[in-house]
């Protein structure tokens, strides 16, 4: 994995007397904190992606291979990729996380996560396509669904996305879609906790809430999604929101190749490690 952790390791080892092979299913690193900017058309994709080969150019002990690691064979010190096998002396798993829909299959089918550049482009495409459709439909109920946006999860990603959409609504929509007022676009932010940004300070949380409300974002606290059919969001309290745009930022879970003993996998599909980031039960496998 060539995310922040993987690249940080490459930087630390680039002058050591080791051979380092970096595997990733993409040939570029993506700067995830700005995915929401791509999703709302504020940035182009090439602004937040950087080729691995350009990054490691001049690193004499580093190789990059475009491949997806499918399985780890710890007893053989081997990994199996979609391009073949390779032997390792030490293995570092830095494959990060994926969107956690908590078993809600319909939400996963009809909603969109925001974990990589493809997700951001899918959100952008969905948003612009639905706004275009809203401009030509004669059905007011359908127009409401096409122009309502629901973001699930009041952590940093959800808050950033809600703010960016609100600014799109305020500044871009009136210029590009002059045929209808910006008031037609409703943005809902649903958070199961009693406050936004619960991992941060109370001051940051309260200021964020006030700022989003000033931008006309409808923040629903102590609320969670129970169902979504692609057209209507249903919450656990019984509220319903017409929306053909649902962006899920409510949780993540670990992702890694098969082969790690299930005893070392804990809640959230995370891997148990010791204080040296070594995976418990293995002498030469680490997770970062």
C-alpha atoms as a PDB file:
ATOM      1  CA  UNK A   1       0.000   0.000   0.000  1.00  0.00           C
ATOM      2  CA  UNK A   2       1.298   3.414  -1.047  1.00  0.00           C
ATOM      3  CA  UNK A   3      -0.790   5.670   1.178  1.00  0.00           C
ATOM      4  CA  UNK A   4       0.641   8.019   3.798  1.00  0.00           C
ATOM      5  CA  UNK A   5       1.989   5.168   5.943  1.00  0.00           C
ATOM      6  CA  UNK A   6       3.517   3.221   3.052  1.00  0.00           C
ATOM      7  CA  UNK A   7       5.240   6.271   1.584  1.00  0.00           C
ATOM      8  CA  UNK A   8       6.513   7.356   4.998  1.00  0.00           C
ATOM      9  CA  UNK A   9       8.186   3.953   5.349  1.00  0.00           C
ATOM     10  CA  UNK A  10       9.702   4.264   1.869  1.00  0.00           C
ATOM     11  CA  UNK A  11      11.171   7.639   2.842  1.00  0.00           C
ATOM     12  CA  UNK A  12      12.692   6.168   6.025  1.00  0.00           C
ATOM     13  CA  UNK A  13      14.288   3.212   4.220  1.00  0.00           C
ATOM     14  CA  UNK A  14      15.366   4.823   0.945  1.00  0.00           C
ATOM     15  CA  UNK A  15      19.046   5.020   1.971  1.00  0.00           C
ATOM     16  CA  UNK A  16      19.252   1.835   4.044  1.00  0.00           C
ATOM     17  CA  UNK A  17      20.967  -1.348   2.881  1.00  0.00           C
ATOM     18  CA  UNK A  18      17.727  -3.104   2.011  1.00  0.00           C
ATOM     19  CA  UNK A  19      15.738  -3.801  -1.111  1.00  0.00           C
ATOM     20  CA  UNK A  20      12.260  -2.335  -0.787  1.00  0.00           C
ATOM     21  CA  UNK A  21       9.404  -3.335  -3.092  1.00  0.00           C
ATOM     22  CA  UNK A  22       6.285  -1.174  -2.968  1.00  0.00           C
ATOM     23  CA  UNK A  23       3.048  -2.751  -4.201  1.00  0.00           C
ATOM     24  CA  UNK A  24      -0.099  -0.785  -4.923  1.00  0.00           C
ATOM     25  CA  UNK A  25      -3.161  -1.421  -7.096  1.00  0.00           C
ATOM     26  CA  UNK A  26      -2.802   2.153  -8.436  1.00  0.00           C
ATOM     27  CA  UNK A  27       0.332   3.720  -9.903  1.00  0.00           C
ATOM     28  CA  UNK A  28      -0.249   6.925  -7.967  1.00  0.00           C
ATOM     29  CA  UNK A  29      -0.531   8.221  -4.409  1.00  0.00           C
ATOM     30  CA  UNK A  30      -3.751  10.110  -3.623  1.00  0.00           C
ATOM     31  CA  UNK A  31      -4.029  12.895  -1.065  1.00  0.00           C
ATOM     32  CA  UNK A  32      -7.198  11.752   0.696  1.00  0.00           C
ATOM     33  CA  UNK A  33      -7.872  14.879   2.813  1.00  0.00           C
ATOM     34  CA  UNK A  34      -8.837  16.752  -0.377  1.00  0.00           C
ATOM     35  CA  UNK A  35     -11.109  14.131  -1.944  1.00  0.00           C
ATOM     36  CA  UNK A  36     -14.132  16.253  -1.044  1.00  0.00           C
ATOM     37  CA  UNK A  37     -12.714  19.116  -3.135  1.00  0.00           C
ATOM     38  CA  UNK A  38     -12.592  16.871  -6.199  1.00  0.00           C
ATOM     39  CA  UNK A  39     -16.094  15.587  -5.438  1.00  0.00           C
ATOM     40  CA  UNK A  40     -17.510  19.123  -5.491  1.00  0.00           C
ATOM     41  CA  UNK A  41     -15.541  20.224  -8.595  1.00  0.00           C
ATOM     42  CA  UNK A  42     -13.327  22.643  -6.645  1.00  0.00           C
ATOM     43  CA  UNK A  43     -10.182  20.719  -7.696  1.00  0.00           C
ATOM     44  CA  UNK A  44      -9.272  18.548 -10.655  1.00  0.00           C
ATOM     45  CA  UNK A  45      -8.126  14.966  -9.915  1.00  0.00           C
ATOM     46  CA  UNK A  46      -4.534  15.560 -10.994  1.00  0.00           C
ATOM     47  CA  UNK A  47      -4.219  18.167  -8.227  1.00  0.00           C
ATOM     48  CA  UNK A  48      -4.324  15.470  -5.529  1.00  0.00           C
ATOM     49  CA  UNK A  49      -2.646  12.469  -7.180  1.00  0.00           C
ATOM     50  CA  UNK A  50       1.097  11.934  -7.657  1.00  0.00           C
ATOM     51  CA  UNK A  51       2.791   9.088  -9.579  1.00  0.00           C
ATOM     52  CA  UNK A  52       4.759   6.646  -7.412  1.00  0.00           C
ATOM     53  CA  UNK A  53       7.497   6.353 -10.014  1.00  0.00           C
ATOM     54  CA  UNK A  54       8.059  10.103  -9.936  1.00  0.00           C
ATOM     55  CA  UNK A  55       8.171   9.977  -6.140  1.00  0.00           C
ATOM     56  CA  UNK A  56      10.786   7.207  -5.986  1.00  0.00           C
ATOM     57  CA  UNK A  57      12.865   8.421  -8.935  1.00  0.00           C
ATOM     58  CA  UNK A  58      16.472   8.336  -7.730  1.00  0.00           C
ATOM     59  CA  UNK A  59      15.812   5.913  -4.859  1.00  0.00           C
ATOM     60  CA  UNK A  60      18.276   3.172  -5.821  1.00  0.00           C
ATOM     61  CA  UNK A  61      16.957   0.548  -3.412  1.00  0.00           C
ATOM     62  CA  UNK A  62      13.215   1.018  -4.079  1.00  0.00           C
ATOM     63  CA  UNK A  63      11.118  -0.754  -6.709  1.00  0.00           C
ATOM     64  CA  UNK A  64       7.471  -0.119  -7.517  1.00  0.00           C
ATOM     65  CA  UNK A  65       5.136  -2.811  -8.850  1.00  0.00           C
ATOM     66  CA  UNK A  66       1.587  -2.141 -10.049  1.00  0.00           C
ATOM     67  CA  UNK A  67      -0.278  -5.110  -8.598  1.00  0.00           C
ATOM     68  CA  UNK A  68      -2.947  -5.990  -6.063  1.00  0.00           C
ATOM     69  CA  UNK A  69      -1.878  -8.289  -3.256  1.00  0.00           C
ATOM     70  CA  UNK A  70      -4.496 -11.018  -2.912  1.00  0.00           C
ATOM     71  CA  UNK A  71      -3.069 -13.317  -0.254  1.00  0.00           C
ATOM     72  CA  UNK A  72      -0.284 -13.619   2.289  1.00  0.00           C
ATOM     73  CA  UNK A  73       1.366 -17.015   2.888  1.00  0.00           C
ATOM     74  CA  UNK A  74       3.209 -16.432   6.195  1.00  0.00           C
ATOM     75  CA  UNK A  75       4.695 -19.953   6.436  1.00  0.00           C
ATOM     76  CA  UNK A  76       6.287 -19.557   2.993  1.00  0.00           C
ATOM     77  CA  UNK A  77       7.181 -15.857   3.416  1.00  0.00           C
ATOM     78  CA  UNK A  78       5.346 -15.240   0.160  1.00  0.00           C
ATOM     79  CA  UNK A  79       2.630 -12.922  -1.104  1.00  0.00           C
ATOM     80  CA  UNK A  80       0.359 -13.743  -4.027  1.00  0.00           C
ATOM     81  CA  UNK A  81      -0.619 -10.855  -6.299  1.00  0.00           C
ATOM     82  CA  UNK A  82      -2.755 -10.639  -9.414  1.00  0.00           C
ATOM     83  CA  UNK A  83       0.546 -10.548 -11.321  1.00  0.00           C
ATOM     84  CA  UNK A  84       2.317 -13.453  -9.616  1.00  0.00           C
ATOM     85  CA  UNK A  85       4.174 -14.366  -6.421  1.00  0.00           C
ATOM     86  CA  UNK A  86       7.056 -12.747  -4.596  1.00  0.00           C
ATOM     87  CA  UNK A  87       9.133 -13.820  -1.595  1.00  0.00           C
ATOM     88  CA  UNK A  88       9.762 -11.442   1.295  1.00  0.00           C
ATOM     89  CA  UNK A  89      12.042 -11.310   4.299  1.00  0.00           C
ATOM     90  CA  UNK A  90       9.829  -8.719   6.014  1.00  0.00           C
ATOM     91  CA  UNK A  91       6.295  -7.747   5.093  1.00  0.00           C
ATOM     92  CA  UNK A  92       4.635  -4.445   5.973  1.00  0.00           C
ATOM     93  CA  UNK A  93       0.865  -4.207   5.523  1.00  0.00           C
ATOM     94  CA  UNK A  94      -0.171  -0.602   4.832  1.00  0.00           C
ATOM     95  CA  UNK A  95      -3.402  -1.181   2.949  1.00  0.00           C
ATOM     96  CA  UNK A  96      -5.483   1.260   4.973  1.00  0.00           C
ATOM     97  CA  UNK A  97      -9.244   1.251   5.297  1.00  0.00           C
ATOM     98  CA  UNK A  98     -12.382   0.985   3.226  1.00  0.00           C
ATOM     99  CA  UNK A  99     -15.908   2.324   3.729  1.00  0.00           C
ATOM    100  CA  UNK A 100     -17.911   0.552   6.419  1.00  0.00           C
ATOM    101  CA  UNK A 101     -21.642   0.398   5.593  1.00  0.00           C
ATOM    102  CA  UNK A 102     -22.292  -1.696   8.729  1.00  0.00           C
ATOM    103  CA  UNK A 103     -24.038  -4.433   6.793  1.00  0.00           C
ATOM    104  CA  UNK A 104     -26.655  -2.170   5.172  1.00  0.00           C
ATOM    105  CA  UNK A 105     -26.681  -3.650   1.673  1.00  0.00           C
ATOM    106  CA  UNK A 106     -29.114  -1.152   0.135  1.00  0.00           C
ATOM    107  CA  UNK A 107     -27.142   1.819   1.435  1.00  0.00           C
ATOM    108  CA  UNK A 108     -23.995   0.251  -0.025  1.00  0.00           C
ATOM    109  CA  UNK A 109     -25.754  -0.352  -3.375  1.00  0.00           C
ATOM    110  CA  UNK A 110     -27.340   3.077  -3.784  1.00  0.00           C
ATOM    111  CA  UNK A 111     -25.074   5.352  -1.744  1.00  0.00           C
ATOM    112  CA  UNK A 112     -21.500   6.456  -2.433  1.00  0.00           C
ATOM    113  CA  UNK A 113     -18.506   6.307  -0.110  1.00  0.00           C
ATOM    114  CA  UNK A 114     -15.570   8.721  -0.299  1.00  0.00           C
ATOM    115  CA  UNK A 115     -12.350   6.783   0.166  1.00  0.00           C
ATOM    116  CA  UNK A 116     -10.460   7.236  -3.108  1.00  0.00           C
ATOM    117  CA  UNK A 117     -10.276   9.363  -6.231  1.00  0.00           C
ATOM    118  CA  UNK A 118     -12.752   7.154  -8.085  1.00  0.00           C
ATOM    119  CA  UNK A 119     -15.322   7.677  -5.323  1.00  0.00           C
ATOM    120  CA  UNK A 120     -14.848  11.440  -5.598  1.00  0.00           C
ATOM    121  CA  UNK A 121     -15.331  11.378  -9.351  1.00  0.00           C
ATOM    122  CA  UNK A 122     -18.433   9.219  -8.939  1.00  0.00           C
ATOM    123  CA  UNK A 123     -19.873  11.757  -6.477  1.00  0.00           C
ATOM    124  CA  UNK A 124     -19.068  14.608  -8.873  1.00  0.00           C
ATOM    125  CA  UNK A 125     -20.700  12.769 -11.761  1.00  0.00           C
ATOM    126  CA  UNK A 126     -23.788  11.911  -9.686  1.00  0.00           C
ATOM    127  CA  UNK A 127     -24.169  15.485  -8.455  1.00  0.00           C
ATOM    128  CA  UNK A 128     -23.855  17.160 -11.861  1.00  0.00           C
ATOM    129  CA  UNK A 129     -25.954  14.548 -13.644  1.00  0.00           C
ATOM    130  CA  UNK A 130     -28.783  14.906 -11.122  1.00  0.00           C
ATOM    131  CA  UNK A 131     -28.677  18.710 -11.239  1.00  0.00           C
ATOM    132  CA  UNK A 132     -28.934  18.563 -15.021  1.00  0.00           C
ATOM    133  CA  UNK A 133     -31.893  16.187 -14.769  1.00  0.00           C
ATOM    134  CA  UNK A 134     -33.544  18.463 -12.206  1.00  0.00           C
ATOM    135  CA  UNK A 135     -33.332  21.331 -14.688  1.00  0.00           C
ATOM    136  CA  UNK A 136     -35.478  19.510 -17.236  1.00  0.00           C
ATOM    137  CA  UNK A 137     -37.943  17.480 -15.162  1.00  0.00           C
ATOM    138  CA  UNK A 138     -41.557  18.655 -14.789  1.00  0.00           C
ATOM    139  CA  UNK A 139     -42.158  16.488 -11.717  1.00  0.00           C
ATOM    140  CA  UNK A 140     -41.667  18.570  -8.556  1.00  0.00           C
ATOM    141  CA  UNK A 141     -41.249  15.507  -6.337  1.00  0.00           C
ATOM    142  CA  UNK A 142     -38.556  14.132  -8.635  1.00  0.00           C
ATOM    143  CA  UNK A 143     -36.846  17.543  -8.678  1.00  0.00           C
ATOM    144  CA  UNK A 144     -36.748  17.554  -4.875  1.00  0.00           C
ATOM    145  CA  UNK A 145     -35.078  14.148  -4.829  1.00  0.00           C
ATOM    146  CA  UNK A 146     -32.547  15.157  -7.477  1.00  0.00           C
ATOM    147  CA  UNK A 147     -31.534  18.351  -5.667  1.00  0.00           C
ATOM    148  CA  UNK A 148     -31.487  17.015  -2.092  1.00  0.00           C
ATOM    149  CA  UNK A 149     -28.119  15.818  -0.783  1.00  0.00           C
ATOM    150  CA  UNK A 150     -27.751  13.631   2.300  1.00  0.00           C
ATOM    151  CA  UNK A 151     -24.344  13.174   3.932  1.00  0.00           C
ATOM    152  CA  UNK A 152     -24.155  10.503   6.611  1.00  0.00           C
ATOM    153  CA  UNK A 153     -21.464  10.914   9.258  1.00  0.00           C
ATOM    154  CA  UNK A 154     -20.499  14.068  11.129  1.00  0.00           C
ATOM    155  CA  UNK A 155     -16.764  13.435  11.340  1.00  0.00           C
ATOM    156  CA  UNK A 156     -14.138  15.480   9.462  1.00  0.00           C
ATOM    157  CA  UNK A 157     -14.960  14.005   6.035  1.00  0.00           C
ATOM    158  CA  UNK A 158     -18.707  14.536   6.409  1.00  0.00           C
ATOM    159  CA  UNK A 159     -18.321  18.079   7.753  1.00  0.00           C
ATOM    160  CA  UNK A 160     -15.914  19.042   4.959  1.00  0.00           C
ATOM    161  CA  UNK A 161     -18.223  17.559   2.341  1.00  0.00           C
ATOM    162  CA  UNK A 162     -21.258  19.363   3.749  1.00  0.00           C
ATOM    163  CA  UNK A 163     -19.393  22.676   3.833  1.00  0.00           C
ATOM    164  CA  UNK A 164     -18.082  22.269   0.289  1.00  0.00           C
ATOM    165  CA  UNK A 165     -21.548  21.376  -1.034  1.00  0.00           C
ATOM    166  CA  UNK A 166     -23.044  24.375   0.781  1.00  0.00           C
ATOM    167  CA  UNK A 167     -20.490  26.684  -0.836  1.00  0.00           C
ATOM    168  CA  UNK A 168     -21.204  25.091  -4.215  1.00  0.00           C
ATOM    169  CA  UNK A 169     -24.891  25.793  -3.596  1.00  0.00           C
ATOM    170  CA  UNK A 170     -24.248  29.411  -2.600  1.00  0.00           C
ATOM    171  CA  UNK A 171     -21.652  30.463  -5.176  1.00  0.00           C
ATOM    172  CA  UNK A 172     -21.646  28.077  -8.156  1.00  0.00           C
ATOM    173  CA  UNK A 173     -25.257  26.969  -8.515  1.00  0.00           C
ATOM    174  CA  UNK A 174     -26.708  30.474  -9.159  1.00  0.00           C
ATOM    175  CA  UNK A 175     -24.177  31.033 -11.961  1.00  0.00           C
ATOM    176  CA  UNK A 176     -24.212  27.649 -13.668  1.00  0.00           C
ATOM    177  CA  UNK A 177     -27.875  26.783 -13.099  1.00  0.00           C
ATOM    178  CA  UNK A 178     -29.573  30.164 -13.286  1.00  0.00           C
ATOM    179  CA  UNK A 179     -32.914  28.580 -14.206  1.00  0.00           C
ATOM    180  CA  UNK A 180     -33.617  27.763 -10.576  1.00  0.00           C
ATOM    181  CA  UNK A 181     -32.689  29.382  -7.236  1.00  0.00           C
ATOM    182  CA  UNK A 182     -30.009  28.001  -4.953  1.00  0.00           C
ATOM    183  CA  UNK A 183     -32.728  27.441  -2.313  1.00  0.00           C
ATOM    184  CA  UNK A 184     -33.843  24.421  -4.331  1.00  0.00           C
ATOM    185  CA  UNK A 185     -30.729  22.499  -3.214  1.00  0.00           C
ATOM    186  CA  UNK A 186     -31.063  21.096   0.322  1.00  0.00           C
ATOM    187  CA  UNK A 187     -28.104  19.604   2.180  1.00  0.00           C
ATOM    188  CA  UNK A 188     -28.642  17.273   5.144  1.00  0.00           C
ATOM    189  CA  UNK A 189     -25.868  16.109   7.479  1.00  0.00           C
ATOM    190  CA  UNK A 190     -26.891  13.136   9.638  1.00  0.00           C
ATOM    191  CA  UNK A 191     -24.834  12.227  12.709  1.00  0.00           C
ATOM    192  CA  UNK A 192     -25.636   9.456  15.205  1.00  0.00           C
ATOM    193  CA  UNK A 193     -23.758  11.213  18.024  1.00  0.00           C
ATOM    194  CA  UNK A 194     -25.014  14.222  19.982  1.00  0.00           C
ATOM    195  CA  UNK A 195     -22.375  16.481  18.396  1.00  0.00           C
ATOM    196  CA  UNK A 196     -20.316  16.913  15.248  1.00  0.00           C
ATOM    197  CA  UNK A 197     -16.575  16.176  15.224  1.00  0.00           C
ATOM    198  CA  UNK A 198     -16.825  14.175  18.440  1.00  0.00           C
ATOM    199  CA  UNK A 199     -13.099  13.335  18.280  1.00  0.00           C
ATOM    200  CA  UNK A 200     -12.247  17.049  18.567  1.00  0.00           C
ATOM    201  CA  UNK A 201     -12.856  19.683  21.233  1.00  0.00           C
ATOM    202  CA  UNK A 202     -16.327  20.836  22.284  1.00  0.00           C
ATOM    203  CA  UNK A 203     -15.439  24.313  21.021  1.00  0.00           C
ATOM    204  CA  UNK A 204     -14.553  22.987  17.563  1.00  0.00           C
ATOM    205  CA  UNK A 205     -17.765  20.965  17.518  1.00  0.00           C
ATOM    206  CA  UNK A 206     -20.074  23.855  18.490  1.00  0.00           C
ATOM    207  CA  UNK A 207     -18.403  26.333  16.114  1.00  0.00           C
ATOM    208  CA  UNK A 208     -18.639  23.842  13.264  1.00  0.00           C
ATOM    209  CA  UNK A 209     -22.352  23.350  13.919  1.00  0.00           C
ATOM    210  CA  UNK A 210     -23.002  27.105  13.899  1.00  0.00           C
ATOM    211  CA  UNK A 211     -20.973  27.581  10.724  1.00  0.00           C
ATOM    212  CA  UNK A 212     -22.786  24.815   8.853  1.00  0.00           C
ATOM    213  CA  UNK A 213     -26.182  26.089   9.996  1.00  0.00           C
ATOM    214  CA  UNK A 214     -25.207  29.550   8.753  1.00  0.00           C
ATOM    215  CA  UNK A 215     -24.552  27.902   5.375  1.00  0.00           C
ATOM    216  CA  UNK A 216     -28.109  26.456   5.531  1.00  0.00           C
ATOM    217  CA  UNK A 217     -26.953  22.869   6.086  1.00  0.00           C
ATOM    218  CA  UNK A 218     -29.684  20.938   7.912  1.00  0.00           C
ATOM    219  CA  UNK A 219     -27.806  19.100  10.671  1.00  0.00           C
ATOM    220  CA  UNK A 220     -29.604  16.146  12.273  1.00  0.00           C
ATOM    221  CA  UNK A 221     -27.888  15.032  15.499  1.00  0.00           C
ATOM    222  CA  UNK A 222     -28.698  11.872  17.492  1.00  0.00           C
ATOM    223  CA  UNK A 223     -29.999  10.442  14.262  1.00  0.00           C
ATOM    224  CA  UNK A 224     -28.940   7.531  12.058  1.00  0.00           C
ATOM    225  CA  UNK A 225     -29.928   6.037   8.729  1.00  0.00           C
ATOM    226  CA  UNK A 226     -31.848   2.770   8.792  1.00  0.00           C
ATOM    227  CA  UNK A 227     -32.650   2.350   5.079  1.00  0.00           C
ATOM    228  CA  UNK A 228     -32.094   3.866   1.658  1.00  0.00           C
ATOM    229  CA  UNK A 229     -33.694   2.721  -1.588  1.00  0.00           C
ATOM    230  CA  UNK A 230     -31.958   5.126  -3.959  1.00  0.00           C
ATOM    231  CA  UNK A 231     -34.754   7.695  -3.749  1.00  0.00           C
ATOM    232  CA  UNK A 232     -35.689   8.001  -0.081  1.00  0.00           C
ATOM    233  CA  UNK A 233     -33.626   8.006   3.112  1.00  0.00           C
ATOM    234  CA  UNK A 234     -35.302   6.586   6.214  1.00  0.00           C
ATOM    235  CA  UNK A 235     -33.895   7.259   9.677  1.00  0.00           C
ATOM    236  CA  UNK A 236     -34.258   5.225  12.858  1.00  0.00           C
ATOM    237  CA  UNK A 237     -36.602   7.818  14.346  1.00  0.00           C
ATOM    238  CA  UNK A 238     -38.923   7.472  11.349  1.00  0.00           C
ATOM    239  CA  UNK A 239     -37.952  10.594   9.397  1.00  0.00           C
ATOM    240  CA  UNK A 240     -37.937  10.324   5.596  1.00  0.00           C
ATOM    241  CA  UNK A 241     -35.952  12.490   3.175  1.00  0.00           C
ATOM    242  CA  UNK A 242     -36.379  12.415  -0.589  1.00  0.00           C
ATOM    243  CA  UNK A 243     -32.853  12.234  -2.012  1.00  0.00           C
ATOM    244  CA  UNK A 244     -31.153  10.652  -4.981  1.00  0.00           C
ATOM    245  CA  UNK A 245     -27.777  11.776  -3.624  1.00  0.00           C
ATOM    246  CA  UNK A 246     -26.439   9.969  -0.551  1.00  0.00           C
ATOM    247  CA  UNK A 247     -22.786  10.254   0.468  1.00  0.00           C
ATOM    248  CA  UNK A 248     -21.640   7.886   3.217  1.00  0.00           C
ATOM    249  CA  UNK A 249     -18.801   9.014   5.512  1.00  0.00           C
ATOM    250  CA  UNK A 250     -20.083   7.322   8.669  1.00  0.00           C
ATOM    251  CA  UNK A 251     -17.373   4.753   9.232  1.00  0.00           C
ATOM    252  CA  UNK A 252     -14.388   2.794   8.000  1.00  0.00           C
ATOM    253  CA  UNK A 253     -13.037  -0.702   8.481  1.00  0.00           C
ATOM    254  CA  UNK A 254      -9.618  -2.192   7.913  1.00  0.00           C
ATOM    255  CA  UNK A 255      -8.812  -3.863   4.613  1.00  0.00           C
ATOM    256  CA  UNK A 256      -5.941  -6.260   4.001  1.00  0.00           C
ATOM    257  CA  UNK A 257      -5.187  -9.424   2.024  1.00  0.00           C
ATOM    258  CA  UNK A 258      -6.349 -12.780   3.324  1.00  0.00           C
ATOM    259  CA  UNK A 259      -3.847 -14.985   5.107  1.00  0.00           C
ATOM    260  CA  UNK A 260      -3.619 -13.281   8.507  1.00  0.00           C
ATOM    261  CA  UNK A 261      -4.791 -15.539  11.344  1.00  0.00           C
ATOM    262  CA  UNK A 262      -8.352 -14.599  12.309  1.00  0.00           C
ATOM    263  CA  UNK A 263      -7.274 -14.554  15.968  1.00  0.00           C
ATOM    264  CA  UNK A 264      -5.279 -11.398  15.197  1.00  0.00           C
ATOM    265  CA  UNK A 265      -8.225  -9.577  13.604  1.00  0.00           C
ATOM    266  CA  UNK A 266     -10.297  -7.480  16.005  1.00  0.00           C
ATOM    267  CA  UNK A 267     -13.295  -5.137  15.917  1.00  0.00           C
ATOM    268  CA  UNK A 268     -13.533  -2.980  12.806  1.00  0.00           C
ATOM    269  CA  UNK A 269     -11.499  -5.549  10.848  1.00  0.00           C
ATOM    270  CA  UNK A 270      -8.335  -4.187  12.434  1.00  0.00           C
ATOM    271  CA  UNK A 271      -5.118  -6.140  12.967  1.00  0.00           C
ATOM    272  CA  UNK A 272      -3.690  -6.691  16.466  1.00  0.00           C
ATOM    273  CA  UNK A 273      -0.117  -5.420  16.765  1.00  0.00           C
ATOM    274  CA  UNK A 274       2.393  -4.917  19.545  1.00  0.00           C
ATOM    275  CA  UNK A 275       4.184  -1.710  20.499  1.00  0.00           C
ATOM    276  CA  UNK A 276       6.585  -2.179  17.556  1.00  0.00           C
ATOM    277  CA  UNK A 277       3.720  -2.473  15.018  1.00  0.00           C
ATOM    278  CA  UNK A 278       4.498  -6.175  14.637  1.00  0.00           C
ATOM    279  CA  UNK A 279       1.425  -8.295  13.961  1.00  0.00           C
ATOM    280  CA  UNK A 280       0.855 -10.541  16.948  1.00  0.00           C
ATOM    281  CA  UNK A 281       1.768 -14.143  16.252  1.00  0.00           C
ATOM    282  CA  UNK A 282       4.260 -13.312  13.487  1.00  0.00           C
ATOM    283  CA  UNK A 283       7.957 -12.480  13.620  1.00  0.00           C
ATOM    284  CA  UNK A 284       8.370 -10.692  10.298  1.00  0.00           C
ATOM    285  CA  UNK A 285       4.975  -9.160   9.465  1.00  0.00           C
ATOM    286  CA  UNK A 286       4.108  -5.599  10.470  1.00  0.00           C
ATOM    287  CA  UNK A 287       0.988  -3.444  10.023  1.00  0.00           C
ATOM    288  CA  UNK A 288       1.020   0.359   9.865  1.00  0.00           C
END
